[in-house]
């Protein structure tokens, strides 16, 4: 297998290289030159492979937290709080059937519409 084919298979096995190119940090030519000189040596590729996020999943979580829009989160929290307040108001009100009423007197059978 020639050097180009070996580099292609190396690049397919390491998708971090594609993200490095998409972000504009490097180009295929630059990566091929590094591969041509150093091969698959880990020390040569340490700048392209972010080992802290691979070995430390908390690093990737902290990166996700950095990208959160806090204004949007605050709006959602306010909406949820309003919904909870409405539910709380509905559940704490006393139902109409439990409100004490005056004494009930039976209506005569033959009396209709306040005759």
N, C-alpha and C. Protein backbone atom coordinates (compact mmCIF):
# COMPACT_ATOMS: atom_id res chain seq x y z
N UNK A 1 0.86 -1.17 0.00
CA UNK A 1 0.00 0.00 0.00
C UNK A 1 0.91 1.24 0.00
N UNK A 2 0.60 2.17 -0.90
CA UNK A 2 1.44 3.36 -0.97
C UNK A 2 1.07 4.35 0.13
N UNK A 3 1.83 5.41 0.23
CA UNK A 3 1.70 6.38 1.31
C UNK A 3 0.34 7.10 1.28
N UNK A 4 -0.17 7.40 0.08
CA UNK A 4 -1.45 8.09 -0.01
C UNK A 4 -2.59 7.23 0.51
N UNK A 5 -2.59 5.97 0.15
CA UNK A 5 -3.65 5.06 0.60
C UNK A 5 -3.57 4.85 2.11
N UNK A 6 -2.35 4.78 2.64
CA UNK A 6 -2.18 4.63 4.08
C UNK A 6 -2.70 5.87 4.81
N UNK A 7 -2.45 7.04 4.25
CA UNK A 7 -2.95 8.27 4.86
C UNK A 7 -4.47 8.33 4.80
N UNK A 8 -5.06 7.89 3.68
CA UNK A 8 -6.52 7.89 3.57
C UNK A 8 -7.15 6.99 4.63
N UNK A 9 -6.58 5.81 4.82
CA UNK A 9 -7.14 4.92 5.84
C UNK A 9 -6.91 5.47 7.24
N UNK A 10 -5.78 6.13 7.45
CA UNK A 10 -5.52 6.77 8.75
C UNK A 10 -6.53 7.88 9.01
N UNK A 11 -6.83 8.68 7.98
CA UNK A 11 -7.78 9.78 8.13
C UNK A 11 -9.19 9.25 8.38
N UNK A 12 -9.55 8.12 7.75
CA UNK A 12 -10.87 7.54 7.98
C UNK A 12 -11.02 7.03 9.41
N UNK A 13 -9.94 6.56 9.98
CA UNK A 13 -9.97 6.04 11.35
C UNK A 13 -9.92 7.15 12.40
N UNK A 14 -9.61 8.37 12.00
CA UNK A 14 -9.50 9.49 12.93
C UNK A 14 -10.35 10.67 12.45
N UNK A 15 -11.64 10.68 12.82
CA UNK A 15 -12.52 11.76 12.37
C UNK A 15 -12.15 13.12 12.97
N UNK A 16 -11.27 13.14 13.95
CA UNK A 16 -10.83 14.42 14.52
C UNK A 16 -10.11 15.26 13.48
N UNK A 17 -9.50 14.60 12.50
CA UNK A 17 -8.81 15.33 11.44
C UNK A 17 -9.79 16.12 10.60
N UNK A 18 -10.95 15.54 10.34
CA UNK A 18 -11.96 16.23 9.54
C UNK A 18 -12.47 17.46 10.28
N UNK A 19 -12.69 17.33 11.59
CA UNK A 19 -13.15 18.50 12.35
C UNK A 19 -12.08 19.58 12.38
N UNK A 20 -10.82 19.17 12.40
CA UNK A 20 -9.73 20.15 12.37
C UNK A 20 -9.71 20.91 11.05
N UNK A 21 -10.01 20.22 9.98
CA UNK A 21 -10.04 20.87 8.67
C UNK A 21 -11.26 21.76 8.55
N UNK A 22 -12.43 21.28 9.01
CA UNK A 22 -13.65 22.08 8.93
C UNK A 22 -13.56 23.35 9.76
N UNK A 23 -12.86 23.28 10.88
CA UNK A 23 -12.72 24.48 11.72
C UNK A 23 -11.68 25.45 11.16
N UNK A 24 -10.91 25.01 10.17
CA UNK A 24 -9.94 25.89 9.55
C UNK A 24 -8.58 25.88 10.22
N UNK A 25 -8.36 24.95 11.15
CA UNK A 25 -7.08 24.89 11.84
C UNK A 25 -5.97 24.30 10.96
N UNK A 26 -6.35 23.47 10.00
CA UNK A 26 -5.33 22.87 9.13
C UNK A 26 -5.94 22.55 7.78
N UNK A 27 -5.11 22.00 6.87
CA UNK A 27 -5.57 21.59 5.55
C UNK A 27 -5.13 20.15 5.31
N UNK A 28 -5.71 19.53 4.26
CA UNK A 28 -5.32 18.15 3.95
C UNK A 28 -3.84 18.08 3.59
N UNK A 29 -3.35 19.09 2.90
CA UNK A 29 -1.93 19.10 2.52
C UNK A 29 -1.04 19.10 3.75
N UNK A 30 -1.37 19.94 4.71
CA UNK A 30 -0.56 20.03 5.93
C UNK A 30 -0.60 18.70 6.71
N UNK A 31 -1.80 18.11 6.79
CA UNK A 31 -1.92 16.83 7.50
C UNK A 31 -1.15 15.73 6.78
N UNK A 32 -1.19 15.73 5.45
CA UNK A 32 -0.45 14.72 4.71
C UNK A 32 1.05 14.88 4.91
N UNK A 33 1.51 16.12 4.98
CA UNK A 33 2.94 16.34 5.21
C UNK A 33 3.36 15.84 6.59
N UNK A 34 2.52 16.06 7.59
CA UNK A 34 2.83 15.55 8.94
C UNK A 34 2.85 14.03 8.91
N UNK A 35 1.90 13.43 8.20
CA UNK A 35 1.86 11.97 8.10
C UNK A 35 3.07 11.44 7.35
N UNK A 36 3.48 12.15 6.33
CA UNK A 36 4.63 11.72 5.53
C UNK A 36 5.90 11.75 6.36
N UNK A 37 6.02 12.74 7.24
CA UNK A 37 7.25 12.87 8.04
C UNK A 37 7.23 11.95 9.25
N UNK A 38 6.13 11.98 10.01
CA UNK A 38 6.09 11.28 11.30
C UNK A 38 5.32 9.96 11.28
N UNK A 39 4.52 9.73 10.28
CA UNK A 39 3.72 8.51 10.25
C UNK A 39 2.56 8.61 11.25
N UNK A 40 2.30 7.53 11.97
CA UNK A 40 1.17 7.50 12.91
C UNK A 40 1.64 7.72 14.35
N UNK A 41 2.75 8.39 14.53
CA UNK A 41 3.28 8.64 15.87
C UNK A 41 2.32 9.53 16.65
N UNK A 42 1.96 9.09 17.84
CA UNK A 42 0.98 9.80 18.67
C UNK A 42 1.43 11.21 19.02
N UNK A 43 2.71 11.40 19.27
CA UNK A 43 3.20 12.73 19.66
C UNK A 43 3.04 13.74 18.54
N UNK A 44 3.14 13.31 17.30
CA UNK A 44 2.99 14.22 16.16
C UNK A 44 1.53 14.64 15.98
N UNK A 45 0.61 13.79 16.37
CA UNK A 45 -0.81 14.06 16.16
C UNK A 45 -1.51 14.58 17.40
N UNK A 46 -0.80 14.82 18.46
CA UNK A 46 -1.42 15.26 19.72
C UNK A 46 -2.12 16.61 19.58
N UNK A 47 -1.65 17.46 18.66
CA UNK A 47 -2.32 18.75 18.47
C UNK A 47 -3.66 18.60 17.76
N UNK A 48 -3.82 17.53 16.99
CA UNK A 48 -5.06 17.31 16.25
C UNK A 48 -6.04 16.42 17.02
N UNK A 49 -5.50 15.52 17.82
CA UNK A 49 -6.35 14.64 18.62
C UNK A 49 -6.42 15.23 20.01
N UNK A 50 -7.57 15.67 20.40
CA UNK A 50 -7.75 16.26 21.72
C UNK A 50 -7.92 15.13 22.73
N UNK A 51 -6.82 14.66 23.31
CA UNK A 51 -6.85 13.54 24.24
C UNK A 51 -7.62 13.85 25.51
N UNK A 52 -7.71 15.12 25.88
CA UNK A 52 -8.41 15.46 27.12
C UNK A 52 -9.89 15.13 27.02
N UNK A 53 -10.48 15.31 25.83
CA UNK A 53 -11.90 14.98 25.71
C UNK A 53 -12.11 13.50 25.46
N UNK A 54 -11.12 12.81 24.89
CA UNK A 54 -11.26 11.38 24.67
C UNK A 54 -11.12 10.62 25.99
N UNK A 55 -10.12 10.95 26.76
CA UNK A 55 -9.88 10.25 28.02
C UNK A 55 -10.72 10.80 29.16
N UNK A 56 -11.17 12.03 29.05
CA UNK A 56 -11.91 12.67 30.12
C UNK A 56 -13.28 13.11 29.59
N UNK A 57 -14.31 12.32 29.85
CA UNK A 57 -15.62 12.71 29.33
C UNK A 57 -16.14 14.00 29.97
N UNK A 58 -15.64 14.37 31.13
CA UNK A 58 -16.08 15.62 31.76
C UNK A 58 -15.59 16.83 30.96
N UNK A 59 -14.50 16.67 30.25
CA UNK A 59 -14.01 17.76 29.41
C UNK A 59 -14.99 18.06 28.29
N UNK A 60 -15.55 17.03 27.68
CA UNK A 60 -16.53 17.26 26.62
C UNK A 60 -17.82 17.82 27.18
N UNK A 61 -18.19 17.44 28.41
CA UNK A 61 -19.38 17.98 29.04
C UNK A 61 -19.19 19.47 29.32
N UNK A 62 -18.02 19.83 29.79
CA UNK A 62 -17.77 21.25 30.05
C UNK A 62 -17.79 22.06 28.76
N UNK A 63 -17.34 21.47 27.66
CA UNK A 63 -17.42 22.16 26.37
C UNK A 63 -18.86 22.37 25.95
N UNK A 64 -19.73 21.38 26.21
CA UNK A 64 -21.14 21.53 25.87
C UNK A 64 -21.79 22.61 26.73
N UNK A 65 -21.42 22.68 28.00
CA UNK A 65 -22.00 23.67 28.90
C UNK A 65 -21.60 25.07 28.47
N UNK A 66 -20.42 25.23 27.94
CA UNK A 66 -19.97 26.54 27.48
C UNK A 66 -20.81 27.05 26.32
N UNK A 67 -21.38 26.15 25.53
CA UNK A 67 -22.14 26.54 24.34
C UNK A 67 -23.62 26.78 24.63
N UNK A 68 -24.05 26.69 25.87
CA UNK A 68 -25.46 26.87 26.21
C UNK A 68 -25.79 28.35 26.28
N UNK A 69 -26.92 28.70 25.68
CA UNK A 69 -27.41 30.09 25.72
C UNK A 69 -28.19 30.27 27.02
N UNK A 70 -27.62 31.01 27.94
CA UNK A 70 -28.22 31.15 29.26
C UNK A 70 -29.52 31.95 29.23
N UNK A 71 -29.68 32.88 28.28
CA UNK A 71 -30.93 33.63 28.18
C UNK A 71 -32.07 32.69 27.81
N UNK A 72 -31.80 31.77 26.90
CA UNK A 72 -32.82 30.80 26.50
C UNK A 72 -33.18 29.89 27.66
N UNK A 73 -32.19 29.47 28.42
CA UNK A 73 -32.45 28.62 29.58
C UNK A 73 -33.30 29.37 30.60
N UNK A 74 -33.00 30.64 30.82
CA UNK A 74 -33.76 31.44 31.77
C UNK A 74 -35.21 31.59 31.33
N UNK A 75 -35.45 31.79 30.04
CA UNK A 75 -36.81 31.90 29.53
C UNK A 75 -37.59 30.61 29.77
N UNK A 76 -36.94 29.47 29.53
CA UNK A 76 -37.60 28.18 29.74
C UNK A 76 -37.89 27.95 31.23
N UNK A 77 -36.99 28.35 32.07
CA UNK A 77 -37.21 28.21 33.51
C UNK A 77 -38.38 29.08 33.95
N UNK A 78 -38.45 30.30 33.45
CA UNK A 78 -39.58 31.19 33.79
C UNK A 78 -40.90 30.61 33.32
N UNK A 79 -40.92 30.06 32.11
CA UNK A 79 -42.15 29.45 31.60
C UNK A 79 -42.57 28.26 32.45
N UNK A 80 -41.62 27.43 32.83
CA UNK A 80 -41.93 26.28 33.68
C UNK A 80 -42.42 26.74 35.05
N UNK A 81 -41.83 27.79 35.58
CA UNK A 81 -42.24 28.32 36.88
C UNK A 81 -43.68 28.83 36.83
N UNK A 82 -44.04 29.53 35.74
CA UNK A 82 -45.41 30.01 35.58
C UNK A 82 -46.40 28.85 35.51
N UNK A 83 -46.02 27.81 34.78
CA UNK A 83 -46.89 26.63 34.67
C UNK A 83 -47.07 25.97 36.04
N UNK A 84 -46.00 25.87 36.79
CA UNK A 84 -46.09 25.28 38.13
C UNK A 84 -46.95 26.13 39.05
N UNK A 85 -46.86 27.44 38.95
CA UNK A 85 -47.70 28.32 39.76
C UNK A 85 -49.17 28.15 39.44
N UNK A 86 -49.49 27.99 38.15
CA UNK A 86 -50.88 27.79 37.76
C UNK A 86 -51.40 26.47 38.31
N UNK A 87 -50.60 25.42 38.19
CA UNK A 87 -51.01 24.12 38.72
C UNK A 87 -51.18 24.19 40.23
N UNK A 88 -50.30 24.89 40.90
CA UNK A 88 -50.40 25.03 42.35
C UNK A 88 -51.66 25.79 42.74
N UNK A 89 -52.00 26.85 42.01
CA UNK A 89 -53.22 27.59 42.30
C UNK A 89 -54.46 26.73 42.10
N UNK A 90 -54.45 25.93 41.05
CA UNK A 90 -55.61 25.08 40.77
C UNK A 90 -55.78 23.99 41.82
N UNK A 91 -54.70 23.49 42.33
CA UNK A 91 -54.80 22.40 43.30
C UNK A 91 -55.05 22.90 44.72
N UNK A 92 -54.72 24.13 45.02
CA UNK A 92 -54.92 24.62 46.39
C UNK A 92 -56.27 25.26 46.59
N UNK A 93 -56.99 25.62 45.53
CA UNK A 93 -58.32 26.22 45.69
C UNK A 93 -59.29 25.16 46.19
N UNK A 94 -60.21 25.61 47.07
CA UNK A 94 -61.20 24.67 47.59
C UNK A 94 -62.29 24.47 46.54
N UNK A 95 -62.70 23.25 46.30
CA UNK A 95 -63.73 23.01 45.30
C UNK A 95 -65.06 23.59 45.75
N UNK A 96 -65.93 23.92 44.81
CA UNK A 96 -67.22 24.54 45.11
C UNK A 96 -68.11 23.63 45.93
N UNK A 97 -67.96 22.33 45.81
CA UNK A 97 -68.81 21.41 46.56
C UNK A 97 -68.46 21.38 48.04
N UNK A 98 -67.27 21.78 48.41
CA UNK A 98 -66.90 21.75 49.82
C UNK A 98 -67.17 23.07 50.53
N UNK A 99 -67.63 24.08 49.80
CA UNK A 99 -67.94 25.36 50.43
C UNK A 99 -69.27 25.20 51.18
N UNK A 100 -69.28 25.53 52.47
CA UNK A 100 -70.52 25.35 53.23
C UNK A 100 -71.59 26.32 52.75
N UNK A 101 -72.79 25.81 52.57
CA UNK A 101 -73.92 26.62 52.14
C UNK A 101 -74.93 26.68 53.28
N UNK A 102 -75.92 27.54 53.11
CA UNK A 102 -76.98 27.65 54.11
C UNK A 102 -77.79 26.36 54.19
N UNK A 103 -78.70 26.30 55.15
CA UNK A 103 -79.50 25.08 55.30
C UNK A 103 -80.39 24.87 54.07
N UNK A 104 -80.50 23.64 53.65
CA UNK A 104 -81.30 23.30 52.49
C UNK A 104 -82.68 22.85 52.97
N UNK A 105 -83.70 23.51 52.44
CA UNK A 105 -85.06 23.10 52.79
C UNK A 105 -85.69 22.44 51.58
N UNK A 106 -86.37 21.36 51.79
CA UNK A 106 -86.98 20.68 50.63
C UNK A 106 -88.07 21.54 50.00
N UNK A 107 -88.17 21.49 48.72
CA UNK A 107 -89.14 22.27 47.96
C UNK A 107 -90.43 21.43 47.84
N UNK A 108 -91.55 22.07 48.01
CA UNK A 108 -92.80 21.32 47.84
C UNK A 108 -92.94 20.79 46.42
N UNK A 109 -93.51 19.63 46.28
CA UNK A 109 -93.62 18.98 44.98
C UNK A 109 -94.49 19.77 44.02
N UNK A 110 -95.53 20.40 44.50
CA UNK A 110 -96.46 21.08 43.61
C UNK A 110 -96.12 22.56 43.38
N UNK A 111 -95.02 23.04 43.86
CA UNK A 111 -94.65 24.44 43.68
C UNK A 111 -93.64 24.54 42.56
N UNK A 112 -93.98 25.31 41.50
CA UNK A 112 -93.09 25.47 40.34
C UNK A 112 -92.74 26.93 40.15
N UNK A 113 -91.54 27.25 39.92
CA UNK A 113 -91.05 28.58 39.57
C UNK A 113 -91.59 29.66 40.48
N UNK A 114 -91.45 29.48 41.72
CA UNK A 114 -91.84 30.46 42.73
C UNK A 114 -93.30 30.89 42.58
N UNK A 115 -94.21 29.96 42.47
CA UNK A 115 -95.66 30.25 42.38
C UNK A 115 -96.18 30.89 43.61
